[in-house]
Amino acid sequence: MKKLRPPIVTVLGHVDHGKTTLLDAIRKTKVVTKEAGGITQRIGASVVTTKENKKITFIDTPGHVAFSSMRSRGAKVADIAVLVVAADDGVKPQTKEALKHIIEAEIPYIVAITKIDLPAADVNSVRGQLEKIGVLFEGRGGQVPQLAVSGKTGKEIEALLEMVILVAEVNEIKADSQGDLEAVVIETSKDKRGPLVSAVVRNGTLQVTQKIVADGVPGKVKGLFDDEGKSIKQVIPGHPGQILGFGELPPVGSRVRFLGEEKKIQKEEKRALGKEVGEDQIPFIIKAQTRGSLEAILENLPEKAVVISSGIGGINESDIFLAKPAGAYILAFETKASSTVAKLAGTEGVSIEKFDVIYKLFERIEELIKKSEKEVLGKAQVLASFPYNKKKVAGCKVVSGRITKTKKLILMRDEKELGEAKIVSMKKEKQKIIEAKEGEEFGVVLKPQLDFKIGDMLVSVTQ
């Protein structure tokens, strides 16, 4: 059952506009409302409690570069953003860039006009500059809240926290603590204990002894620490935690899941709408601008092209995450991906190709199918079979091309494939070799041990 959880907030803006000072001021409210003493800032996030006893998690990494990195990996880390603009300096290129990231992330945001304690502060001028770049404030035709604050004096910091809680409640930020784990890596480091991975939990509960995985890096939770460095047994939704138990460091922005859930997701994605992709078939995701075009493409695909997903409109993040585990090509007809999605595809190693002429799309499909087909490098006939060190050796003669030790072999009998194997040992007259050419005789030990017979063919292929 989903319940309201603490919002996860990121602070973005120009490098000199007081992000760090603002975060420091926010953390001071934590000391007042909780217990006295220093706060250990090691895990990349801080949990603040408001006067109304509501909790907020602030991501300590203020730079939009880290935020962008997480977005480029497809991870939604923050629920709310605070856009910081200095009252004495106004809108800068980084301000515009930060706003762009917020809009692309599709999360609500609050404008915090900082440094209002300075003599050159001009809040009205800054508001006007922000409106010119598309910010629609509350009371002026939009829904973006705005506060004038000072990280130095602490003015309106409590009001900012109250506004964050209000925005969170309006947007109903909820999670199921018993549900599937959804967490995002926000910081990584190493010390004498080993790799340490900081993450914020968006859904589910992270507990000691759980088996987890982040971007293919597996781990077992040996220890958990809160934002004050205290050892804890679990991390609940809306909270940060530092994880001890990964063998290596996953990238910042990686999504953390239960190991079993990750395998299940990958299996479901590979099946993609119940469609299994055969070994000699190529998976595709097809997107088109119109239904008519999409139907024309789907109705004329070759048998070896398997469409695991299709749709009308632009390529989105879901297409990328579906394509990656399935090894699918994304083909777009008269449509495209946004710059954010294109960047994500590049990060994830997913191929996107755009076409405006339909026959060019079909030509590309045929080209990819042909490219994937096994290229025969050589053939050898089995002339003898004899045991050696409890293994079965095939005595062969190359009848065409060449047989190379590093290439895969297919066992053929009467034009039928009986199995595939790798060469673990290859010799000619008791001398180890790595290749045999046409007309040469040699002996091989295969793995796995195939049930070959005299007269069978061993075919060397590229795949």
Protein backbone atom coordinates (compact mmCIF):
# COMPACT_ATOMS: atom_id res chain seq x y z
CA MET A 1 0.00 0.00 0.00
CA LYS A 2 1.38 3.39 -1.00
CA LYS A 3 1.74 6.11 1.62
CA LEU A 4 3.16 9.65 1.58
CA ARG A 5 6.94 9.63 2.00
CA PRO A 6 9.56 12.34 2.54
CA PRO A 7 10.29 14.20 -0.71
CA ILE A 8 13.76 13.97 -2.24
CA VAL A 9 14.97 17.44 -3.22
CA THR A 10 17.87 18.64 -5.37
CA VAL A 11 19.22 22.20 -5.40
CA LEU A 12 20.30 23.50 -8.80
CA GLY A 13 21.59 26.80 -10.16
CA HIS A 14 24.63 28.85 -11.14
CA VAL A 15 27.90 27.90 -9.46
CA ASP A 16 28.22 31.16 -7.48
CA HIS A 17 24.59 31.71 -6.53
CA GLY A 18 24.70 30.26 -3.02
CA LYS A 19 23.64 26.62 -3.40
CA THR A 20 26.15 25.36 -0.83
CA THR A 21 25.38 28.21 1.59
CA LEU A 22 21.67 27.48 1.26
CA LEU A 23 22.21 23.77 1.95
CA ASP A 24 24.37 24.63 4.97
CA ALA A 25 21.59 26.88 6.29
CA ILE A 26 19.04 24.10 5.75
CA ARG A 27 21.25 21.62 7.63
CA LYS A 28 21.44 24.03 10.57
CA THR A 29 17.68 23.75 10.95
CA LYS A 30 18.24 20.01 11.29
CA VAL A 31 20.61 20.51 14.23
CA VAL A 32 18.07 22.77 15.96
CA THR A 33 15.12 20.45 15.44
CA LYS A 34 16.99 17.24 16.24
CA GLU A 35 19.94 16.96 18.56
CA ALA A 36 23.00 19.09 19.11
CA GLY A 37 26.30 18.05 17.62
CA GLY A 38 28.02 17.98 14.26
CA ILE A 39 26.51 16.35 11.25
CA THR A 40 28.61 13.81 9.42
CA GLN A 41 28.26 14.71 5.76
CA ARG A 42 29.54 11.56 4.14
CA ILE A 43 26.71 10.02 2.24
CA GLY A 44 25.69 12.70 -0.26
CA ALA A 45 22.33 13.57 1.27
CA SER A 46 20.87 15.12 4.42
CA VAL A 47 17.54 14.46 6.12
CA VAL A 48 15.94 17.59 7.57
CA THR A 49 12.99 17.69 9.97
CA THR A 50 10.71 20.75 9.80
CA LYS A 51 9.01 22.45 12.74
CA GLU A 52 5.87 20.44 11.90
CA ASN A 53 7.95 17.23 12.25
CA LYS A 54 7.89 16.54 8.50
CA LYS A 55 11.00 15.08 6.90
CA ILE A 56 12.75 16.20 3.69
CA THR A 57 15.79 14.59 2.07
CA PHE A 58 18.14 17.06 0.38
CA ILE A 59 20.73 15.71 -2.04
CA ASP A 60 24.01 17.36 -1.06
CA THR A 61 25.53 17.29 -4.53
CA PRO A 62 24.25 20.67 -5.75
CA GLY A 63 25.72 20.72 -9.24
CA HIS A 64 23.42 20.22 -12.21
CA VAL A 65 26.17 18.14 -13.85
CA ALA A 66 25.57 15.27 -11.42
CA PHE A 67 21.83 15.71 -11.78
CA SER A 68 22.19 15.60 -15.55
CA SER A 69 24.32 12.46 -15.28
CA MET A 70 21.60 10.74 -13.31
CA ARG A 71 18.99 11.87 -15.80
CA SER A 72 21.11 10.62 -18.71
CA ARG A 73 21.12 7.17 -17.10
CA GLY A 74 17.34 7.29 -16.89
CA ALA A 75 17.23 7.52 -13.12
CA LYS A 76 14.63 9.77 -11.56
CA VAL A 77 16.41 10.73 -8.38
CA ALA A 78 14.62 13.89 -7.18
CA ASP A 79 10.92 14.59 -6.66
CA ILE A 80 11.30 18.36 -6.37
CA ALA A 81 13.99 20.84 -7.46
CA VAL A 82 14.94 24.16 -5.91
CA LEU A 83 16.24 26.56 -8.56
CA VAL A 84 18.65 28.99 -6.91
CA VAL A 85 19.19 32.45 -8.43
CA ALA A 86 21.26 35.17 -6.74
CA ALA A 87 19.40 38.46 -6.13
CA ASP A 88 22.49 40.48 -7.02
CA ASP A 89 23.46 38.58 -10.19
CA GLY A 90 20.27 37.35 -11.87
CA VAL A 91 19.86 34.73 -14.58
CA LYS A 92 23.10 33.22 -15.92
CA PRO A 93 23.78 30.51 -18.57
CA GLN A 94 23.97 27.84 -15.84
CA THR A 95 20.61 29.05 -14.52
CA LYS A 96 19.06 28.40 -17.93
CA GLU A 97 20.79 25.03 -18.16
CA ALA A 98 19.56 24.03 -14.70
CA LEU A 99 16.00 25.06 -15.63
CA LYS A 100 16.29 22.96 -18.80
CA HIS A 101 17.26 19.89 -16.76
CA ILE A 102 14.35 20.44 -14.38
CA ILE A 103 11.84 20.74 -17.21
CA GLU A 104 13.23 17.65 -18.96
CA ALA A 105 12.99 15.73 -15.68
CA GLU A 106 9.30 16.72 -15.48
CA ILE A 107 9.43 17.48 -11.76
CA PRO A 108 7.91 20.43 -9.87
CA TYR A 109 10.27 23.16 -8.74
CA ILE A 110 10.54 26.14 -6.42
CA VAL A 111 12.55 29.29 -7.18
CA ALA A 112 14.75 30.45 -4.30
CA ILE A 113 16.14 33.95 -4.87
CA THR A 114 19.24 34.01 -2.67
CA LYS A 115 21.68 36.58 -1.27
CA ILE A 116 18.88 39.03 -0.42
CA ASP A 117 21.08 40.33 2.41
CA LEU A 118 23.47 41.97 -0.10
CA PRO A 119 23.16 45.71 -0.92
CA ALA A 120 22.93 45.04 -4.67
CA ALA A 121 20.04 42.58 -4.28
CA ASP A 122 17.12 43.24 -6.67
CA VAL A 123 14.46 40.55 -6.27
CA ASN A 124 11.98 42.15 -8.68
CA SER A 125 14.60 42.33 -11.44
CA VAL A 126 15.44 38.64 -10.98
CA ARG A 127 11.74 37.69 -11.13
CA GLY A 128 11.45 39.58 -14.41
CA GLN A 129 14.51 37.85 -15.87
CA LEU A 130 13.12 34.44 -14.91
CA GLU A 131 9.76 35.21 -16.48
CA LYS A 132 11.55 36.10 -19.71
CA ILE A 133 13.06 32.58 -19.87
CA GLY A 134 9.70 30.92 -19.31
CA VAL A 135 9.20 30.65 -15.54
CA LEU A 136 5.50 31.09 -14.73
CA PHE A 137 5.15 32.14 -11.09
CA GLU A 138 2.16 31.60 -8.85
CA GLY A 139 -0.23 34.53 -9.12
CA ARG A 140 1.13 35.41 -12.55
CA GLY A 141 -0.46 32.69 -14.64
CA GLY A 142 1.65 29.78 -13.43
CA GLN A 143 2.24 27.36 -10.57
CA VAL A 144 5.90 27.95 -9.67
CA PRO A 145 6.35 29.12 -6.05
CA GLN A 146 9.04 31.71 -5.34
CA LEU A 147 10.75 32.77 -2.12
CA ALA A 148 13.45 35.35 -1.36
CA VAL A 149 15.90 33.78 1.11
CA SER A 150 19.30 34.29 2.70
CA GLY A 151 21.52 31.33 3.46
CA LYS A 152 23.80 33.67 5.37
CA THR A 153 21.21 35.08 7.81
CA GLY A 154 18.78 32.15 7.65
CA LYS A 155 15.90 34.41 6.57
CA GLU A 156 12.92 32.50 5.12
CA ILE A 157 14.70 29.13 5.31
CA GLU A 158 11.85 27.65 7.37
CA ALA A 159 9.38 29.09 4.85
CA LEU A 160 11.30 27.34 2.06
CA LEU A 161 11.06 24.01 3.91
CA GLU A 162 7.32 24.52 4.44
CA MET A 163 6.93 25.24 0.73
CA VAL A 164 8.78 22.01 -0.15
CA ILE A 165 6.38 20.04 2.06
CA LEU A 166 3.38 21.80 0.50
CA VAL A 167 4.58 21.02 -3.05
CA ALA A 168 5.21 17.40 -2.01
CA GLU A 169 1.69 17.05 -0.59
CA VAL A 170 0.07 18.64 -3.64
CA ASN A 171 1.96 16.21 -5.89
CA GLU A 172 1.18 13.25 -3.60
CA ILE A 173 4.69 11.85 -3.42
CA LYS A 174 4.06 8.30 -2.24
CA ALA A 175 5.81 4.95 -1.92
CA ASP A 176 5.12 1.36 -0.88
CA SER A 177 7.64 0.31 1.78
CA GLN A 178 6.77 -3.35 1.09
CA GLY A 179 7.04 -2.97 -2.69
CA ASP A 180 9.86 -3.54 -5.16
CA LEU A 181 13.07 -1.71 -4.35
CA GLU A 182 13.73 1.45 -6.33
CA ALA A 183 16.80 3.38 -5.24
CA VAL A 184 19.32 5.61 -7.02
CA VAL A 185 23.08 5.83 -6.44
CA ILE A 186 24.03 9.44 -5.62
CA GLU A 187 27.63 9.10 -4.46
CA THR A 188 30.37 6.47 -4.24
CA SER A 189 33.65 6.19 -2.34
CA LYS A 190 36.11 3.69 -0.90
CA ASP A 191 37.66 3.34 2.53
CA LYS A 192 39.28 0.52 4.54
CA ARG A 193 35.91 -1.27 4.73
CA GLY A 194 35.67 -1.42 0.94
CA PRO A 195 33.40 0.22 -1.65
CA LEU A 196 30.75 2.50 -0.12
CA VAL A 197 27.68 3.36 -2.16
CA SER A 198 25.24 6.10 -1.15
CA ALA A 199 21.69 5.85 -2.46
CA VAL A 200 18.29 7.39 -1.90
CA VAL A 201 15.36 4.98 -1.66
CA ARG A 202 12.30 5.99 -3.68
CA ASN A 203 10.27 2.81 -3.13
CA GLY A 204 10.58 -0.41 -1.15
CA THR A 205 12.91 -0.91 1.81
CA LEU A 206 16.64 -1.54 1.76
CA GLN A 207 17.74 -3.95 4.50
CA VAL A 208 20.89 -5.64 5.78
CA THR A 209 21.53 -9.11 4.17
CA GLN A 210 19.54 -8.30 1.01
CA LYS A 211 21.05 -9.22 -2.35
CA ILE A 212 20.98 -6.21 -4.66
CA VAL A 213 22.34 -5.07 -8.02
CA ALA A 214 23.14 -1.64 -9.50
CA ASP A 215 23.88 -1.30 -13.21
CA GLY A 216 24.94 -4.95 -13.37
CA VAL A 217 27.18 -4.68 -10.28
CA PRO A 218 25.93 -7.21 -7.68
CA GLY A 219 26.20 -6.82 -3.94
CA LYS A 220 24.96 -8.16 -0.62
CA VAL A 221 24.13 -5.54 2.00
CA LYS A 222 26.60 -6.11 4.86
CA GLY A 223 26.02 -2.75 6.50
CA LEU A 224 23.84 0.36 6.23
CA PHE A 225 24.55 3.85 7.57
CA ASP A 226 22.29 6.90 7.83
CA ASP A 227 23.14 10.50 6.95
CA GLU A 228 24.85 10.95 10.33
CA GLY A 229 27.07 7.89 9.84
CA LYS A 230 25.12 5.77 12.34
CA SER A 231 24.72 2.05 11.65
CA ILE A 232 21.10 1.18 10.80
CA LYS A 233 19.21 -1.99 9.86
CA GLN A 234 17.09 -0.56 7.05
CA VAL A 235 16.50 2.45 4.80
CA ILE A 236 12.85 3.31 4.19
CA PRO A 237 11.35 5.27 1.26
CA GLY A 238 12.36 8.91 0.98
CA HIS A 239 15.57 8.40 2.97
CA PRO A 240 19.24 8.11 2.03
CA GLY A 241 21.59 5.38 3.14
CA GLN A 242 25.17 4.32 2.65
CA ILE A 243 25.57 0.71 1.54
CA LEU A 244 28.52 -1.53 2.41
CA GLY A 245 28.54 -4.74 0.39
CA PHE A 246 29.30 -4.04 -3.26
CA GLY A 247 32.42 -5.68 -4.72
CA GLU A 248 33.04 -2.67 -6.94
CA LEU A 249 31.60 0.82 -7.38
CA PRO A 250 28.56 1.18 -9.66
CA PRO A 251 28.20 4.46 -11.59
CA VAL A 252 26.49 7.45 -9.97
CA GLY A 253 22.92 7.48 -11.26
CA SER A 254 22.61 3.68 -11.30
CA ARG A 255 19.30 2.24 -10.22
CA VAL A 256 19.51 -0.18 -7.29
CA ARG A 257 17.15 -3.16 -7.31
CA PHE A 258 16.75 -6.49 -5.54
CA LEU A 259 18.83 -9.07 -7.42
CA GLY A 260 15.81 -11.33 -7.96
CA GLU A 261 13.71 -8.41 -9.18
CA GLU A 262 16.44 -7.34 -11.63
CA LYS A 263 16.54 -10.84 -13.14
CA LYS A 264 12.77 -10.88 -13.36
CA ILE A 265 12.71 -7.46 -15.08
CA GLN A 266 15.37 -8.51 -17.58
CA LYS A 267 13.48 -11.72 -18.33
CA GLU A 268 10.24 -9.83 -18.86
CA GLU A 269 11.95 -7.24 -21.03
CA LYS A 270 13.55 -9.92 -23.16
CA ARG A 271 10.21 -11.63 -23.63
CA ALA A 272 8.76 -8.19 -24.46
CA LEU A 273 5.05 -8.58 -24.91
CA GLY A 274 5.39 -12.38 -24.89
CA LYS A 275 7.48 -12.51 -28.04
CA GLU A 276 10.53 -14.75 -27.83
CA VAL A 277 13.42 -13.89 -30.11
CA GLY A 278 14.96 -16.94 -31.77
CA GLU A 279 18.71 -17.36 -32.14
CA ASP A 280 18.55 -16.58 -35.86
CA GLN A 281 16.20 -13.62 -35.43
CA ILE A 282 16.89 -9.92 -34.84
CA PRO A 283 14.82 -7.89 -32.32
CA PHE A 284 13.54 -4.45 -33.36
CA ILE A 285 11.57 -1.61 -31.81
CA ILE A 286 9.67 0.30 -34.51
CA LYS A 287 8.34 3.83 -34.03
CA ALA A 288 6.47 5.82 -36.69
CA GLN A 289 4.78 9.20 -37.00
CA THR A 290 1.42 7.80 -38.15
CA ARG A 291 -0.57 4.60 -37.62
CA GLY A 292 -0.77 4.01 -41.37
CA SER A 293 3.01 4.09 -41.73
CA LEU A 294 3.48 1.83 -38.71
CA GLU A 295 1.03 -0.76 -40.05
CA ALA A 296 2.71 -0.69 -43.48
CA ILE A 297 6.07 -1.43 -41.85
CA LEU A 298 4.80 -4.16 -39.52
CA GLU A 299 2.94 -5.96 -42.31
CA ASN A 300 5.98 -6.19 -44.60
CA LEU A 301 8.80 -7.25 -42.30
CA PRO A 302 10.94 -10.30 -43.14
CA GLU A 303 10.51 -13.41 -41.00
CA LYS A 304 13.82 -12.95 -39.21
CA ALA A 305 12.83 -9.48 -37.96
CA VAL A 306 10.98 -9.73 -34.63
CA VAL A 307 9.26 -6.58 -33.37
CA ILE A 308 9.33 -6.61 -29.57
CA SER A 309 7.60 -3.23 -29.34
CA SER A 310 6.08 -0.66 -31.67
CA GLY A 311 4.22 2.61 -31.38
CA ILE A 312 3.28 5.99 -32.78
CA GLY A 313 5.25 9.11 -31.85
CA GLY A 314 8.76 9.89 -30.69
CA ILE A 315 11.24 7.51 -29.10
CA ASN A 316 11.08 7.63 -25.31
CA GLU A 317 13.12 6.39 -22.34
CA SER A 318 10.99 3.24 -22.03
CA ASP A 319 12.02 2.25 -25.56
CA ILE A 320 15.68 2.56 -24.56
CA PHE A 321 15.29 0.45 -21.43
CA LEU A 322 13.34 -2.17 -23.37
CA ALA A 323 15.90 -2.29 -26.19
CA LYS A 324 19.01 -2.63 -24.01
CA PRO A 325 18.47 -6.07 -22.39
CA ALA A 326 16.93 -7.47 -25.58
CA GLY A 327 19.77 -6.21 -27.79
CA ALA A 328 17.16 -4.59 -30.04
CA TYR A 329 17.65 -1.97 -32.74
CA ILE A 330 15.33 1.05 -32.60
CA LEU A 331 14.15 2.19 -36.02
CA ALA A 332 12.21 5.45 -36.33
CA PHE A 333 10.18 6.37 -39.42
CA GLU A 334 9.40 10.09 -39.83
CA THR A 335 9.88 10.57 -36.09
CA LYS A 336 12.86 10.98 -33.76
CA ALA A 337 14.20 11.02 -30.22
CA SER A 338 14.66 14.14 -28.09
CA SER A 339 18.23 15.16 -27.28
CA THR A 340 17.79 13.75 -23.75
CA VAL A 341 16.61 10.36 -25.03
CA ALA A 342 19.34 10.31 -27.69
CA LYS A 343 21.93 10.96 -24.99
CA LEU A 344 20.45 8.17 -22.86
CA ALA A 345 20.63 5.79 -25.84
CA GLY A 346 24.31 6.64 -26.27
CA THR A 347 24.99 6.02 -22.59
CA GLU A 348 23.16 2.69 -22.64
CA GLY A 349 24.70 1.57 -25.94
CA VAL A 350 21.36 1.38 -27.78
CA SER A 351 21.23 2.01 -31.54
CA ILE A 352 18.65 4.50 -32.88
CA GLU A 353 18.28 4.98 -36.64
CA LYS A 354 15.93 7.47 -38.33
CA PHE A 355 14.38 7.08 -41.79
CA ASP A 356 12.23 9.33 -43.98
CA VAL A 357 11.99 6.92 -46.93
CA ILE A 358 10.29 3.62 -46.14
CA TYR A 359 12.26 1.41 -48.53
CA LYS A 360 15.48 2.65 -46.91
CA LEU A 361 14.17 1.33 -43.59
CA PHE A 362 13.48 -2.10 -45.13
CA GLU A 363 16.92 -2.12 -46.75
CA ARG A 364 18.50 -1.46 -43.36
CA ILE A 365 16.54 -4.31 -41.75
CA GLU A 366 17.72 -6.73 -44.45
CA GLU A 367 21.28 -5.46 -44.00
CA LEU A 368 21.18 -6.05 -40.23
CA ILE A 369 19.74 -9.54 -40.69
CA LYS A 370 22.41 -10.44 -43.23
CA LYS A 371 25.12 -9.04 -40.96
CA SER A 372 23.92 -11.20 -38.06
CA GLU A 373 23.94 -14.44 -40.02
CA LYS A 374 26.81 -16.78 -39.26
CA GLU A 375 29.67 -16.43 -41.71
CA VAL A 376 31.30 -19.78 -42.52
CA LEU A 377 35.08 -19.53 -42.20
CA GLY A 378 35.94 -23.14 -42.89
CA LYS A 379 34.83 -26.79 -42.83
CA ALA A 380 36.59 -29.90 -41.57
CA GLN A 381 35.48 -33.52 -41.91
CA VAL A 382 35.80 -35.91 -38.96
CA LEU A 383 38.08 -38.78 -40.08
CA ALA A 384 38.69 -40.45 -36.73
CA SER A 385 37.53 -40.53 -33.12
CA PHE A 386 39.69 -41.65 -30.20
CA PRO A 387 39.92 -41.16 -26.40
CA TYR A 388 42.65 -39.11 -24.70
CA ASN A 389 42.83 -38.28 -20.96
CA LYS A 390 39.16 -39.26 -20.52
CA LYS A 391 38.20 -36.91 -23.33
CA LYS A 392 37.09 -37.54 -26.88
CA VAL A 393 39.40 -36.30 -29.65
CA ALA A 394 38.20 -35.65 -33.19
CA GLY A 395 40.74 -36.34 -35.92
CA CYS A 396 39.83 -33.98 -38.78
CA LYS A 397 40.86 -32.73 -42.21
CA VAL A 398 40.11 -29.19 -43.43
CA VAL A 399 38.09 -29.48 -46.65
CA SER A 400 37.57 -25.74 -47.22
CA GLY A 401 38.68 -22.43 -45.72
CA ARG A 402 40.43 -22.67 -42.37
CA ILE A 403 39.67 -23.80 -38.82
CA THR A 404 40.81 -21.36 -36.11
CA LYS A 405 41.01 -22.25 -32.42
CA THR A 406 39.32 -19.05 -31.24
CA LYS A 407 36.25 -19.50 -33.44
CA LYS A 408 33.11 -21.46 -32.61
CA LEU A 409 32.44 -24.83 -34.29
CA ILE A 410 29.08 -26.23 -35.35
CA LEU A 411 28.69 -30.02 -35.64
CA MET A 412 26.81 -30.91 -38.85
CA ARG A 413 25.44 -34.29 -39.96
CA ASP A 414 23.44 -34.64 -43.16
CA GLU A 415 23.07 -30.83 -43.33
CA LYS A 416 21.58 -30.71 -39.81
CA GLU A 417 23.05 -28.80 -36.86
CA LEU A 418 23.68 -31.13 -33.90
CA GLY A 419 25.38 -28.71 -31.54
CA GLU A 420 27.95 -25.97 -30.98
CA ALA A 421 31.28 -26.08 -29.17
CA LYS A 422 34.51 -24.25 -28.50
CA ILE A 423 37.96 -25.68 -29.21
CA VAL A 424 39.85 -26.23 -25.94
CA SER A 425 42.82 -28.04 -27.50
CA MET A 426 44.07 -28.12 -31.11
CA LYS A 427 47.12 -30.12 -32.25
CA LYS A 428 48.88 -31.23 -35.42
CA GLU A 429 51.34 -34.10 -35.06
CA LYS A 430 51.49 -33.56 -31.26
CA GLN A 431 52.31 -29.84 -31.72
CA LYS A 432 49.87 -27.21 -30.45
CA ILE A 433 48.46 -25.06 -33.23
CA ILE A 434 45.95 -22.22 -33.43
CA GLU A 435 44.88 -22.70 -37.04
CA ALA A 436 44.61 -25.38 -39.74
CA LYS A 437 44.30 -24.57 -43.44
CA GLU A 438 42.64 -26.40 -46.33
CA GLY A 439 44.12 -29.89 -46.82
CA GLU A 440 45.72 -30.03 -43.35
CA GLU A 441 44.89 -32.70 -40.77
CA PHE A 442 44.61 -31.98 -37.04
CA GLY A 443 43.02 -33.16 -33.80
CA VAL A 444 40.68 -31.19 -31.51
CA VAL A 445 39.14 -31.52 -28.06
CA LEU A 446 35.81 -29.73 -27.81
CA LYS A 447 33.81 -28.17 -24.98
CA PRO A 448 31.15 -29.34 -24.50
CA GLN A 449 31.98 -32.87 -25.67
CA LEU A 450 29.79 -33.31 -28.74
CA ASP A 451 28.68 -36.77 -29.91
CA PHE A 452 30.46 -36.65 -33.26
CA LYS A 453 30.90 -39.56 -35.66
CA ILE A 454 33.24 -40.31 -38.55
CA GLY A 455 31.95 -38.46 -41.61
CA ASP A 456 30.47 -35.54 -39.65
CA MET A 457 31.45 -31.98 -40.53
CA LEU A 458 32.81 -29.36 -38.11
CA VAL A 459 31.99 -25.89 -39.44
CA SER A 460 33.90 -22.83 -38.18
CA VAL A 461 31.73 -19.70 -37.92
CA THR A 462 32.15 -16.06 -36.92
CA GLN A 463 29.59 -16.03 -34.14
